[in-house]
């Protein structure tokens, strides 16, 4: 497993059909132009549920979980990967379920439906 980023940056994600679109929140004008990254979920992309982290990870007594991690990896080129987190486990699970469904939304599957 790869190390998670040391510095997190805010991005805005939209899952549309079989594509995960990533927009840079620092430059809101990007939201009306083009996404910074587009992941085709119907390709050889793997969504991986990862660990949870408390607000103060160095404090063993802190058991309040505030970050629920997962990652999206292009298995054909592992350099194309993004690590994400949500504030709740249920939100992470909704993203994971939606991404798995998006992976099934391929031209081949639509044509055979």
PDB file of N, CA and C in Angstrom:
ATOM      1  N   UNK A   1       0.837  -1.186   0.000  1.00  0.00           N
ATOM      2  CA  UNK A   1       0.000   0.000   0.000  1.00  0.00           C
ATOM      3  C   UNK A   1       0.880   1.247   0.000  1.00  0.00           C
ATOM      4  N   UNK A   2       0.448   2.236  -0.733  1.00  0.00           N
ATOM      5  CA  UNK A   2       1.230   3.460  -0.842  1.00  0.00           C
ATOM      6  C   UNK A   2       0.989   4.356   0.363  1.00  0.00           C
ATOM      7  N   UNK A   3       1.974   5.216   0.671  1.00  0.00           N
ATOM      8  CA  UNK A   3       1.797   6.170   1.750  1.00  0.00           C
ATOM      9  C   UNK A   3       0.775   7.216   1.343  1.00  0.00           C
ATOM     10  N   UNK A   4      -0.029   7.640   2.320  1.00  0.00           N
ATOM     11  CA  UNK A   4      -1.006   8.684   2.058  1.00  0.00           C
ATOM     12  C   UNK A   4      -0.309  10.032   2.015  1.00  0.00           C
ATOM     13  N   UNK A   5      -0.899  11.012   1.349  1.00  0.00           N
ATOM     14  CA  UNK A   5      -0.254  12.327   1.241  1.00  0.00           C
ATOM     15  C   UNK A   5      -0.026  12.954   2.611  1.00  0.00           C
ATOM     16  N   UNK A   6       1.041  13.713   2.715  1.00  0.00           N
ATOM     17  CA  UNK A   6       1.342  14.411   3.967  1.00  0.00           C
ATOM     18  C   UNK A   6       0.489  15.671   4.099  1.00  0.00           C
ATOM     19  N   UNK A   7       0.183  16.287   2.972  1.00  0.00           N
ATOM     20  CA  UNK A   7      -0.617  17.505   2.970  1.00  0.00           C
ATOM     21  C   UNK A   7      -1.851  17.262   2.105  1.00  0.00           C
ATOM     22  N   UNK A   8      -3.009  17.504   2.687  1.00  0.00           N
ATOM     23  CA  UNK A   8      -4.263  17.298   1.974  1.00  0.00           C
ATOM     24  C   UNK A   8      -4.723  18.597   1.352  1.00  0.00           C
ATOM     25  N   UNK A   9      -5.288  18.515   0.159  1.00  0.00           N
ATOM     26  CA  UNK A   9      -5.818  19.690  -0.524  1.00  0.00           C
ATOM     27  C   UNK A   9      -7.286  19.435  -0.830  1.00  0.00           C
ATOM     28  N   UNK A  10      -8.118  20.466  -0.694  1.00  0.00           N
ATOM     29  CA  UNK A  10      -9.548  20.256  -0.964  1.00  0.00           C
ATOM     30  C   UNK A  10      -9.848  20.193  -2.457  1.00  0.00           C
ATOM     31  N   UNK A  11     -10.615  19.192  -2.841  1.00  0.00           N
ATOM     32  CA  UNK A  11     -11.081  19.036  -4.209  1.00  0.00           C
ATOM     33  C   UNK A  11     -12.566  18.731  -4.178  1.00  0.00           C
ATOM     34  N   UNK A  12     -13.211  18.965  -5.282  1.00  0.00           N
ATOM     35  CA  UNK A  12     -14.628  18.715  -5.434  1.00  0.00           C
ATOM     36  C   UNK A  12     -14.767  17.560  -6.412  1.00  0.00           C
ATOM     37  N   UNK A  13     -15.530  16.524  -6.030  1.00  0.00           N
ATOM     38  CA  UNK A  13     -15.676  15.340  -6.874  1.00  0.00           C
ATOM     39  C   UNK A  13     -17.113  15.164  -7.324  1.00  0.00           C
ATOM     40  N   UNK A  14     -17.257  14.769  -8.569  1.00  0.00           N
ATOM     41  CA  UNK A  14     -18.568  14.428  -9.127  1.00  0.00           C
ATOM     42  C   UNK A  14     -18.428  13.068  -9.787  1.00  0.00           C
ATOM     43  N   UNK A  15     -19.324  12.163  -9.451  1.00  0.00           N
ATOM     44  CA  UNK A  15     -19.359  10.858 -10.094  1.00  0.00           C
ATOM     45  C   UNK A  15     -20.495  10.912 -11.098  1.00  0.00           C
ATOM     46  N   UNK A  16     -20.133  10.940 -12.368  1.00  0.00           N
ATOM     47  CA  UNK A  16     -21.123  11.043 -13.446  1.00  0.00           C
ATOM     48  C   UNK A  16     -20.991   9.830 -14.344  1.00  0.00           C
ATOM     49  N   UNK A  17     -22.064   9.035 -14.382  1.00  0.00           N
ATOM     50  CA  UNK A  17     -22.081   7.796 -15.158  1.00  0.00           C
ATOM     51  C   UNK A  17     -20.869   6.947 -14.769  1.00  0.00           C
ATOM     52  N   UNK A  18     -19.956   6.719 -15.698  1.00  0.00           N
ATOM     53  CA  UNK A  18     -18.791   5.879 -15.388  1.00  0.00           C
ATOM     54  C   UNK A  18     -17.512   6.708 -15.223  1.00  0.00           C
ATOM     55  N   UNK A  19     -17.654   7.991 -14.896  1.00  0.00           N
ATOM     56  CA  UNK A  19     -16.489   8.864 -14.753  1.00  0.00           C
ATOM     57  C   UNK A  19     -16.484   9.579 -13.399  1.00  0.00           C
ATOM     58  N   UNK A  20     -15.327   9.563 -12.756  1.00  0.00           N
ATOM     59  CA  UNK A  20     -15.119  10.334 -11.539  1.00  0.00           C
ATOM     60  C   UNK A  20     -14.376  11.603 -11.951  1.00  0.00           C
ATOM     61  N   UNK A  21     -15.024  12.753 -11.752  1.00  0.00           N
ATOM     62  CA  UNK A  21     -14.460  14.038 -12.151  1.00  0.00           C
ATOM     63  C   UNK A  21     -13.936  14.751 -10.918  1.00  0.00           C
ATOM     64  N   UNK A  22     -12.714  15.283 -11.007  1.00  0.00           N
ATOM     65  CA  UNK A  22     -12.095  15.979  -9.881  1.00  0.00           C
ATOM     66  C   UNK A  22     -11.835  17.437 -10.269  1.00  0.00           C
ATOM     67  N   UNK A  23     -12.362  18.341  -9.450  1.00  0.00           N
ATOM     68  CA  UNK A  23     -12.189  19.780  -9.663  1.00  0.00           C
ATOM     69  C   UNK A  23     -11.397  20.368  -8.508  1.00  0.00           C
ATOM     70  N   UNK A  24     -10.596  21.373  -8.799  1.00  0.00           N
ATOM     71  CA  UNK A  24      -9.776  22.047  -7.794  1.00  0.00           C
ATOM     72  C   UNK A  24     -10.619  23.101  -7.091  1.00  0.00           C
ATOM     73  N   UNK A  25     -10.798  22.971  -5.778  1.00  0.00           N
ATOM     74  CA  UNK A  25     -11.593  23.936  -5.031  1.00  0.00           C
ATOM     75  C   UNK A  25     -10.893  25.274  -4.851  1.00  0.00           C
ATOM     76  N   UNK A  26      -9.576  25.298  -4.976  1.00  0.00           N
ATOM     77  CA  UNK A  26      -8.842  26.551  -4.798  1.00  0.00           C
ATOM     78  C   UNK A  26      -9.177  27.537  -5.911  1.00  0.00           C
ATOM     79  N   UNK A  27      -9.513  27.019  -7.074  1.00  0.00           N
ATOM     80  CA  UNK A  27      -9.842  27.871  -8.219  1.00  0.00           C
ATOM     81  C   UNK A  27     -11.263  27.533  -8.660  1.00  0.00           C
ATOM     82  N   UNK A  28     -12.242  28.214  -8.063  1.00  0.00           N
ATOM     83  CA  UNK A  28     -13.647  27.900  -8.323  1.00  0.00           C
ATOM     84  C   UNK A  28     -14.034  28.059  -9.787  1.00  0.00           C
ATOM     85  N   UNK A  29     -13.275  28.816 -10.549  1.00  0.00           N
ATOM     86  CA  UNK A  29     -13.615  28.982 -11.959  1.00  0.00           C
ATOM     87  C   UNK A  29     -13.479  27.656 -12.710  1.00  0.00           C
ATOM     88  N   UNK A  30     -12.689  26.708 -12.166  1.00  0.00           N
ATOM     89  CA  UNK A  30     -12.559  25.392 -12.797  1.00  0.00           C
ATOM     90  C   UNK A  30     -13.892  24.652 -12.847  1.00  0.00           C
ATOM     91  N   UNK A  31     -14.793  24.961 -11.913  1.00  0.00           N
ATOM     92  CA  UNK A  31     -16.058  24.240 -11.854  1.00  0.00           C
ATOM     93  C   UNK A  31     -16.917  24.475 -13.094  1.00  0.00           C
ATOM     94  N   UNK A  32     -16.680  25.561 -13.797  1.00  0.00           N
ATOM     95  CA  UNK A  32     -17.469  25.814 -15.001  1.00  0.00           C
ATOM     96  C   UNK A  32     -16.677  25.519 -16.267  1.00  0.00           C
ATOM     97  N   UNK A  33     -15.455  25.063 -16.110  1.00  0.00           N
ATOM     98  CA  UNK A  33     -14.645  24.731 -17.284  1.00  0.00           C
ATOM     99  C   UNK A  33     -14.432  23.227 -17.341  1.00  0.00           C
ATOM    100  N   UNK A  34     -13.218  22.785 -17.098  1.00  0.00           N
ATOM    101  CA  UNK A  34     -12.906  21.361 -17.215  1.00  0.00           C
ATOM    102  C   UNK A  34     -12.381  20.809 -15.898  1.00  0.00           C
ATOM    103  N   UNK A  35     -12.638  19.526 -15.650  1.00  0.00           N
ATOM    104  CA  UNK A  35     -12.098  18.914 -14.430  1.00  0.00           C
ATOM    105  C   UNK A  35     -10.580  18.804 -14.497  1.00  0.00           C
ATOM    106  N   UNK A  36      -9.975  18.782 -13.323  1.00  0.00           N
ATOM    107  CA  UNK A  36      -8.523  18.634 -13.235  1.00  0.00           C
ATOM    108  C   UNK A  36      -8.106  17.210 -13.612  1.00  0.00           C
ATOM    109  N   UNK A  37      -8.899  16.231 -13.179  1.00  0.00           N
ATOM    110  CA  UNK A  37      -8.629  14.819 -13.463  1.00  0.00           C
ATOM    111  C   UNK A  37      -9.956  14.127 -13.773  1.00  0.00           C
ATOM    112  N   UNK A  38      -9.919  13.179 -14.702  1.00  0.00           N
ATOM    113  CA  UNK A  38     -11.075  12.339 -15.011  1.00  0.00           C
ATOM    114  C   UNK A  38     -10.624  10.887 -14.916  1.00  0.00           C
ATOM    115  N   UNK A  39     -11.271  10.137 -14.036  1.00  0.00           N
ATOM    116  CA  UNK A  39     -11.014   8.698 -13.930  1.00  0.00           C
ATOM    117  C   UNK A  39     -12.164   7.975 -14.606  1.00  0.00           C
ATOM    118  N   UNK A  40     -11.845   7.125 -15.572  1.00  0.00           N
ATOM    119  CA  UNK A  40     -12.858   6.278 -16.189  1.00  0.00           C
ATOM    120  C   UNK A  40     -13.010   5.055 -15.297  1.00  0.00           C
ATOM    121  N   UNK A  41     -14.141   4.947 -14.620  1.00  0.00           N
ATOM    122  CA  UNK A  41     -14.344   3.884 -13.643  1.00  0.00           C
ATOM    123  C   UNK A  41     -14.578   2.523 -14.289  1.00  0.00           C
ATOM    124  N   UNK A  42     -14.934   2.493 -15.585  1.00  0.00           N
ATOM    125  CA  UNK A  42     -15.177   1.233 -16.262  1.00  0.00           C
ATOM    126  C   UNK A  42     -13.912   0.549 -16.740  1.00  0.00           C
ATOM    127  N   UNK A  43     -12.773   1.216 -16.606  1.00  0.00           N
ATOM    128  CA  UNK A  43     -11.502   0.626 -17.005  1.00  0.00           C
ATOM    129  C   UNK A  43     -10.963  -0.272 -15.917  1.00  0.00           C
ATOM    130  N   UNK A  44      -9.672  -0.420 -15.878  1.00  0.00           N
ATOM    131  CA  UNK A  44      -9.030  -1.269 -14.873  1.00  0.00           C
ATOM    132  C   UNK A  44      -8.743  -0.430 -13.626  1.00  0.00           C
ATOM    133  N   UNK A  45      -9.811   0.071 -13.018  1.00  0.00           N
ATOM    134  CA  UNK A  45      -9.705   0.934 -11.842  1.00  0.00           C
ATOM    135  C   UNK A  45     -10.199   0.166 -10.629  1.00  0.00           C
ATOM    136  N   UNK A  46      -9.444   0.277  -9.553  1.00  0.00           N
ATOM    137  CA  UNK A  46      -9.804  -0.412  -8.317  1.00  0.00           C
ATOM    138  C   UNK A  46     -10.087   0.627  -7.240  1.00  0.00           C
ATOM    139  N   UNK A  47     -11.189   0.450  -6.516  1.00  0.00           N
ATOM    140  CA  UNK A  47     -11.532   1.315  -5.386  1.00  0.00           C
ATOM    141  C   UNK A  47     -11.217   0.525  -4.128  1.00  0.00           C
ATOM    142  N   UNK A  48     -10.391   1.093  -3.266  1.00  0.00           N
ATOM    143  CA  UNK A  48      -9.882   0.364  -2.107  1.00  0.00           C
ATOM    144  C   UNK A  48     -10.305   1.060  -0.817  1.00  0.00           C
ATOM    145  N   UNK A  49     -11.025   0.327   0.018  1.00  0.00           N
ATOM    146  CA  UNK A  49     -11.398   0.835   1.343  1.00  0.00           C
ATOM    147  C   UNK A  49     -10.160   0.737   2.225  1.00  0.00           C
ATOM    148  N   UNK A  50      -9.835   1.838   2.908  1.00  0.00           N
ATOM    149  CA  UNK A  50      -8.635   1.837   3.734  1.00  0.00           C
ATOM    150  C   UNK A  50      -8.971   2.060   5.203  1.00  0.00           C
ATOM    151  N   UNK A  51      -8.070   2.629   5.924  1.00  0.00           N
ATOM    152  CA  UNK A  51      -8.171   2.737   7.375  1.00  0.00           C
ATOM    153  C   UNK A  51      -8.984   3.952   7.831  1.00  0.00           C
ATOM    154  N   UNK A  52      -9.199   4.032   9.133  1.00  0.00           N
ATOM    155  CA  UNK A  52      -9.831   5.177   9.772  1.00  0.00           C
ATOM    156  C   UNK A  52      -8.792   5.885  10.620  1.00  0.00           C
ATOM    157  N   UNK A  53      -9.025   7.158  10.883  1.00  0.00           N
ATOM    158  CA  UNK A  53      -8.065   7.939  11.675  1.00  0.00           C
ATOM    159  C   UNK A  53      -8.817   8.850  12.640  1.00  0.00           C
ATOM    160  N   UNK A  54      -8.292   8.955  13.856  1.00  0.00           N
ATOM    161  CA  UNK A  54      -8.898   9.845  14.848  1.00  0.00           C
ATOM    162  C   UNK A  54      -8.398  11.272  14.635  1.00  0.00           C
ATOM    163  N   UNK A  55      -9.017  12.194  15.367  1.00  0.00           N
ATOM    164  CA  UNK A  55      -8.652  13.605  15.228  1.00  0.00           C
ATOM    165  C   UNK A  55      -7.199  13.848  15.624  1.00  0.00           C
ATOM    166  N   UNK A  56      -6.742  13.133  16.649  1.00  0.00           N
ATOM    167  CA  UNK A  56      -5.354  13.225  17.104  1.00  0.00           C
ATOM    168  C   UNK A  56      -4.725  11.838  17.026  1.00  0.00           C
ATOM    169  N   UNK A  57      -4.216  11.448  15.861  1.00  0.00           N
ATOM    170  CA  UNK A  57      -3.730  10.071  15.692  1.00  0.00           C
ATOM    171  C   UNK A  57      -2.578   9.687  16.619  1.00  0.00           C
ATOM    172  N   UNK A  58      -1.851  10.667  17.140  1.00  0.00           N
ATOM    173  CA  UNK A  58      -0.738  10.351  18.041  1.00  0.00           C
ATOM    174  C   UNK A  58      -1.205  10.093  19.468  1.00  0.00           C
ATOM    175  N   UNK A  59      -2.459  10.435  19.781  1.00  0.00           N
ATOM    176  CA  UNK A  59      -3.023  10.255  21.116  1.00  0.00           C
ATOM    177  C   UNK A  59      -3.825   8.958  21.137  1.00  0.00           C
ATOM    178  N   UNK A  60      -3.282   7.917  21.804  1.00  0.00           N
ATOM    179  CA  UNK A  60      -3.942   6.619  21.825  1.00  0.00           C
ATOM    180  C   UNK A  60      -5.291   6.657  22.523  1.00  0.00           C
ATOM    181  N   UNK A  61      -5.508   7.634  23.408  1.00  0.00           N
ATOM    182  CA  UNK A  61      -6.777   7.748  24.124  1.00  0.00           C
ATOM    183  C   UNK A  61      -7.873   8.360  23.248  1.00  0.00           C
ATOM    184  N   UNK A  62      -7.499   8.996  22.155  1.00  0.00           N
ATOM    185  CA  UNK A  62      -8.467   9.631  21.264  1.00  0.00           C
ATOM    186  C   UNK A  62      -9.080   8.578  20.353  1.00  0.00           C
ATOM    187  N   UNK A  63     -10.343   8.211  20.642  1.00  0.00           N
ATOM    188  CA  UNK A  63     -10.983   7.177  19.822  1.00  0.00           C
ATOM    189  C   UNK A  63     -12.104   7.737  18.941  1.00  0.00           C
ATOM    190  N   UNK A  64     -12.180   9.057  18.819  1.00  0.00           N
ATOM    191  CA  UNK A  64     -13.188   9.672  17.951  1.00  0.00           C
ATOM    192  C   UNK A  64     -12.656   9.677  16.518  1.00  0.00           C
ATOM    193  N   UNK A  65     -13.265   8.864  15.679  1.00  0.00           N
ATOM    194  CA  UNK A  65     -12.834   8.749  14.290  1.00  0.00           C
ATOM    195  C   UNK A  65     -13.397   9.921  13.495  1.00  0.00           C
ATOM    196  N   UNK A  66     -12.523  10.606  12.757  1.00  0.00           N
ATOM    197  CA  UNK A  66     -12.962  11.765  11.976  1.00  0.00           C
ATOM    198  C   UNK A  66     -12.622  11.653  10.493  1.00  0.00           C
ATOM    199  N   UNK A  67     -11.824  10.683  10.122  1.00  0.00           N
ATOM    200  CA  UNK A  67     -11.467  10.506   8.713  1.00  0.00           C
ATOM    201  C   UNK A  67     -11.566   9.028   8.337  1.00  0.00           C
ATOM    202  N   UNK A  68     -12.300   8.778   7.264  1.00  0.00           N
ATOM    203  CA  UNK A  68     -12.495   7.420   6.761  1.00  0.00           C
ATOM    204  C   UNK A  68     -11.930   7.398   5.347  1.00  0.00           C
ATOM    205  N   UNK A  69     -10.799   6.739   5.174  1.00  0.00           N
ATOM    206  CA  UNK A  69     -10.031   6.793   3.929  1.00  0.00           C
ATOM    207  C   UNK A  69     -10.439   5.730   2.915  1.00  0.00           C
ATOM    208  N   UNK A  70     -10.259   6.067   1.639  1.00  0.00           N
ATOM    209  CA  UNK A  70     -10.354   5.123   0.543  1.00  0.00           C
ATOM    210  C   UNK A  70      -9.536   5.685  -0.609  1.00  0.00           C
ATOM    211  N   UNK A  71      -9.212   4.849  -1.572  1.00  0.00           N
ATOM    212  CA  UNK A  71      -8.424   5.316  -2.702  1.00  0.00           C
ATOM    213  C   UNK A  71      -8.962   4.741  -4.002  1.00  0.00           C
ATOM    214  N   UNK A  72      -8.659   5.445  -5.083  1.00  0.00           N
ATOM    215  CA  UNK A  72      -9.034   5.038  -6.429  1.00  0.00           C
ATOM    216  C   UNK A  72      -7.730   4.900  -7.199  1.00  0.00           C
ATOM    217  N   UNK A  73      -7.482   3.698  -7.736  1.00  0.00           N
ATOM    218  CA  UNK A  73      -6.198   3.398  -8.369  1.00  0.00           C
ATOM    219  C   UNK A  73      -6.429   2.835  -9.771  1.00  0.00           C
ATOM    220  N   UNK A  74      -5.724   3.394 -10.739  1.00  0.00           N
ATOM    221  CA  UNK A  74      -5.703   2.823 -12.089  1.00  0.00           C
ATOM    222  C   UNK A  74      -4.695   1.679 -12.048  1.00  0.00           C
ATOM    223  N   UNK A  75      -5.173   0.454 -12.152  1.00  0.00           N
ATOM    224  CA  UNK A  75      -4.296  -0.706 -12.010  1.00  0.00           C
ATOM    225  C   UNK A  75      -3.349  -0.876 -13.193  1.00  0.00           C
ATOM    226  N   UNK A  76      -3.624  -0.206 -14.320  1.00  0.00           N
ATOM    227  CA  UNK A  76      -2.714  -0.242 -15.461  1.00  0.00           C
ATOM    228  C   UNK A  76      -1.539   0.710 -15.267  1.00  0.00           C
ATOM    229  N   UNK A  77      -1.726   1.717 -14.405  1.00  0.00           N
ATOM    230  CA  UNK A  77      -0.684   2.699 -14.119  1.00  0.00           C
ATOM    231  C   UNK A  77      -0.898   3.188 -12.692  1.00  0.00           C
ATOM    232  N   UNK A  78      -0.263   2.529 -11.722  1.00  0.00           N
ATOM    233  CA  UNK A  78      -0.516   2.823 -10.320  1.00  0.00           C
ATOM    234  C   UNK A  78      -0.096   4.236  -9.912  1.00  0.00           C
ATOM    235  N   UNK A  79       0.628   4.936 -10.792  1.00  0.00           N
ATOM    236  CA  UNK A  79       0.951   6.333 -10.520  1.00  0.00           C
ATOM    237  C   UNK A  79      -0.315   7.186 -10.617  1.00  0.00           C
ATOM    238  N   UNK A  80      -1.321   6.677 -11.323  1.00  0.00           N
ATOM    239  CA  UNK A  80      -2.607   7.361 -11.419  1.00  0.00           C
ATOM    240  C   UNK A  80      -3.491   6.861 -10.286  1.00  0.00           C
ATOM    241  N   UNK A  81      -3.348   7.494  -9.139  1.00  0.00           N
ATOM    242  CA  UNK A  81      -4.119   7.110  -7.962  1.00  0.00           C
ATOM    243  C   UNK A  81      -4.446   8.347  -7.151  1.00  0.00           C
ATOM    244  N   UNK A  82      -5.598   8.321  -6.514  1.00  0.00           N
ATOM    245  CA  UNK A  82      -5.953   9.408  -5.607  1.00  0.00           C
ATOM    246  C   UNK A  82      -6.423   8.805  -4.289  1.00  0.00           C
ATOM    247  N   UNK A  83      -6.029   9.439  -3.213  1.00  0.00           N
ATOM    248  CA  UNK A  83      -6.458   9.044  -1.880  1.00  0.00           C
ATOM    249  C   UNK A  83      -7.485  10.064  -1.415  1.00  0.00           C
ATOM    250  N   UNK A  84      -8.582   9.570  -0.862  1.00  0.00           N
ATOM    251  CA  UNK A  84      -9.665  10.433  -0.412  1.00  0.00           C
ATOM    252  C   UNK A  84     -10.084  10.044   0.997  1.00  0.00           C
ATOM    253  N   UNK A  85     -10.792  10.954   1.672  1.00  0.00           N
ATOM    254  CA  UNK A  85     -11.407  10.576   2.938  1.00  0.00           C
ATOM    255  C   UNK A  85     -12.724  11.314   3.094  1.00  0.00           C
ATOM    256  N   UNK A  86     -13.587  10.726   3.902  1.00  0.00           N
ATOM    257  CA  UNK A  86     -14.879  11.315   4.223  1.00  0.00           C
ATOM    258  C   UNK A  86     -14.977  11.460   5.738  1.00  0.00           C
ATOM    259  N   UNK A  87     -15.904  12.291   6.222  1.00  0.00           N
ATOM    260  CA  UNK A  87     -16.022  12.491   7.670  1.00  0.00           C
ATOM    261  C   UNK A  87     -16.797  11.382   8.386  1.00  0.00           C
ATOM    262  N   UNK A  88     -17.498  10.517   7.636  1.00  0.00           N
ATOM    263  CA  UNK A  88     -18.244   9.430   8.267  1.00  0.00           C
ATOM    264  C   UNK A  88     -18.047   8.138   7.483  1.00  0.00           C
ATOM    265  N   UNK A  89     -18.219   7.022   8.187  1.00  0.00           N
ATOM    266  CA  UNK A  89     -18.102   5.721   7.542  1.00  0.00           C
ATOM    267  C   UNK A  89     -19.250   5.504   6.556  1.00  0.00           C
ATOM    268  N   UNK A  90     -20.448   5.983   6.897  1.00  0.00           N
ATOM    269  CA  UNK A  90     -21.588   5.796   5.996  1.00  0.00           C
ATOM    270  C   UNK A  90     -21.398   6.583   4.697  1.00  0.00           C
ATOM    271  N   UNK A  91     -20.808   7.763   4.779  1.00  0.00           N
ATOM    272  CA  UNK A  91     -20.533   8.535   3.562  1.00  0.00           C
ATOM    273  C   UNK A  91     -19.483   7.826   2.704  1.00  0.00           C
ATOM    274  N   UNK A  92     -18.443   7.294   3.357  1.00  0.00           N
ATOM    275  CA  UNK A  92     -17.429   6.540   2.611  1.00  0.00           C
ATOM    276  C   UNK A  92     -18.081   5.349   1.914  1.00  0.00           C
ATOM    277  N   UNK A  93     -18.964   4.640   2.626  1.00  0.00           N
ATOM    278  CA  UNK A  93     -19.613   3.470   2.035  1.00  0.00           C
ATOM    279  C   UNK A  93     -20.495   3.860   0.857  1.00  0.00           C
ATOM    280  N   UNK A  94     -21.173   5.002   0.928  1.00  0.00           N
ATOM    281  CA  UNK A  94     -21.980   5.472  -0.208  1.00  0.00           C
ATOM    282  C   UNK A  94     -21.092   5.738  -1.425  1.00  0.00           C
ATOM    283  N   UNK A  95     -19.914   6.364  -1.200  1.00  0.00           N
ATOM    284  CA  UNK A  95     -18.976   6.598  -2.309  1.00  0.00           C
ATOM    285  C   UNK A  95     -18.494   5.275  -2.891  1.00  0.00           C
ATOM    286  N   UNK A  96     -18.123   4.333  -2.020  1.00  0.00           N
ATOM    287  CA  UNK A  96     -17.631   3.040  -2.495  1.00  0.00           C
ATOM    288  C   UNK A  96     -18.706   2.321  -3.316  1.00  0.00           C
ATOM    289  N   UNK A  97     -19.939   2.302  -2.824  1.00  0.00           N
ATOM    290  CA  UNK A  97     -21.037   1.648  -3.547  1.00  0.00           C
ATOM    291  C   UNK A  97     -21.279   2.324  -4.894  1.00  0.00           C
ATOM    292  N   UNK A  98     -21.291   3.666  -4.892  1.00  0.00           N
ATOM    293  CA  UNK A  98     -21.532   4.405  -6.137  1.00  0.00           C
ATOM    294  C   UNK A  98     -20.419   4.158  -7.146  1.00  0.00           C
ATOM    295  N   UNK A  99     -19.180   4.098  -6.683  1.00  0.00           N
ATOM    296  CA  UNK A  99     -18.055   3.860  -7.595  1.00  0.00           C
ATOM    297  C   UNK A  99     -18.078   2.451  -8.160  1.00  0.00           C
ATOM    298  N   UNK A 100     -18.471   1.480  -7.342  1.00  0.00           N
ATOM    299  CA  UNK A 100     -18.592   0.112  -7.854  1.00  0.00           C
ATOM    300  C   UNK A 100     -19.703   0.036  -8.902  1.00  0.00           C
ATOM    301  N   UNK A 101     -20.805   0.750  -8.677  1.00  0.00           N
ATOM    302  CA  UNK A 101     -21.883   0.802  -9.671  1.00  0.00           C
ATOM    303  C   UNK A 101     -21.412   1.498 -10.937  1.00  0.00           C
ATOM    304  N   UNK A 102     -20.634   2.577 -10.785  1.00  0.00           N
ATOM    305  CA  UNK A 102     -20.125   3.315 -11.945  1.00  0.00           C
ATOM    306  C   UNK A 102     -19.220   2.437 -12.797  1.00  0.00           C
ATOM    307  N   UNK A 103     -18.508   1.527 -12.169  1.00  0.00           N
ATOM    308  CA  UNK A 103     -17.621   0.635 -12.918  1.00  0.00           C
ATOM    309  C   UNK A 103     -18.410  -0.289 -13.836  1.00  0.00           C
ATOM    310  N   UNK A 104     -19.686  -0.511 -13.522  1.00  0.00           N
ATOM    311  CA  UNK A 104     -20.531  -1.377 -14.342  1.00  0.00           C
ATOM    312  C   UNK A 104     -21.192  -0.620 -15.491  1.00  0.00           C
ATOM    313  N   UNK A 105     -21.097   0.701 -15.452  1.00  0.00           N
ATOM    314  CA  UNK A 105     -21.740   1.547 -16.468  1.00  0.00           C
ATOM    315  C   UNK A 105     -20.791   1.731 -17.651  1.00  0.00           C
ATOM    316  N   UNK A 106     -20.664   0.680 -18.444  1.00  0.00           N
ATOM    317  CA  UNK A 106     -19.793   0.712 -19.607  1.00  0.00           C
ATOM    318  C   UNK A 106     -20.633   0.661 -20.881  1.00  0.00           C
ATOM    319  N   UNK A 107     -20.059   1.052 -21.989  1.00  0.00           N
ATOM    320  CA  UNK A 107     -20.779   1.006 -23.269  1.00  0.00           C
ATOM    321  C   UNK A 107     -21.237  -0.421 -23.562  1.00  0.00           C
ATOM    322  N   UNK A 108     -20.383  -1.381 -23.302  1.00  0.00           N
ATOM    323  CA  UNK A 108     -20.732  -2.785 -23.559  1.00  0.00           C
ATOM    324  C   UNK A 108     -21.937  -3.215 -22.736  1.00  0.00           C
ATOM    325  N   UNK A 109     -21.956  -2.843 -21.443  1.00  0.00           N
ATOM    326  CA  UNK A 109     -23.076  -3.216 -20.571  1.00  0.00           C
ATOM    327  C   UNK A 109     -24.365  -2.500 -20.976  1.00  0.00           C
ATOM    328  N   UNK A 110     -24.254  -1.243 -21.386  1.00  0.00           N
ATOM    329  CA  UNK A 110     -25.437  -0.504 -21.803  1.00  0.00           C
ATOM    330  C   UNK A 110     -26.033  -1.103 -23.079  1.00  0.00           C
ATOM    331  N   UNK A 111     -25.171  -1.472 -24.014  1.00  0.00           N
ATOM    332  CA  UNK A 111     -25.646  -2.036 -25.278  1.00  0.00           C
ATOM    333  C   UNK A 111     -26.299  -3.411 -25.105  1.00  0.00           C
ATOM    334  N   UNK A 112     -25.858  -4.162 -24.091  1.00  0.00           N
ATOM    335  CA  UNK A 112     -26.427  -5.494 -23.884  1.00  0.00           C
ATOM    336  C   UNK A 112     -27.638  -5.468 -22.965  1.00  0.00           C
ATOM    337  N   UNK A 113     -27.942  -4.335 -22.367  1.00  0.00           N
ATOM    338  CA  UNK A 113     -29.076  -4.243 -21.429  1.00  0.00           C
ATOM    339  C   UNK A 113     -30.399  -4.191 -22.147  1.00  0.00           C
TER     340      UNK A 113
END
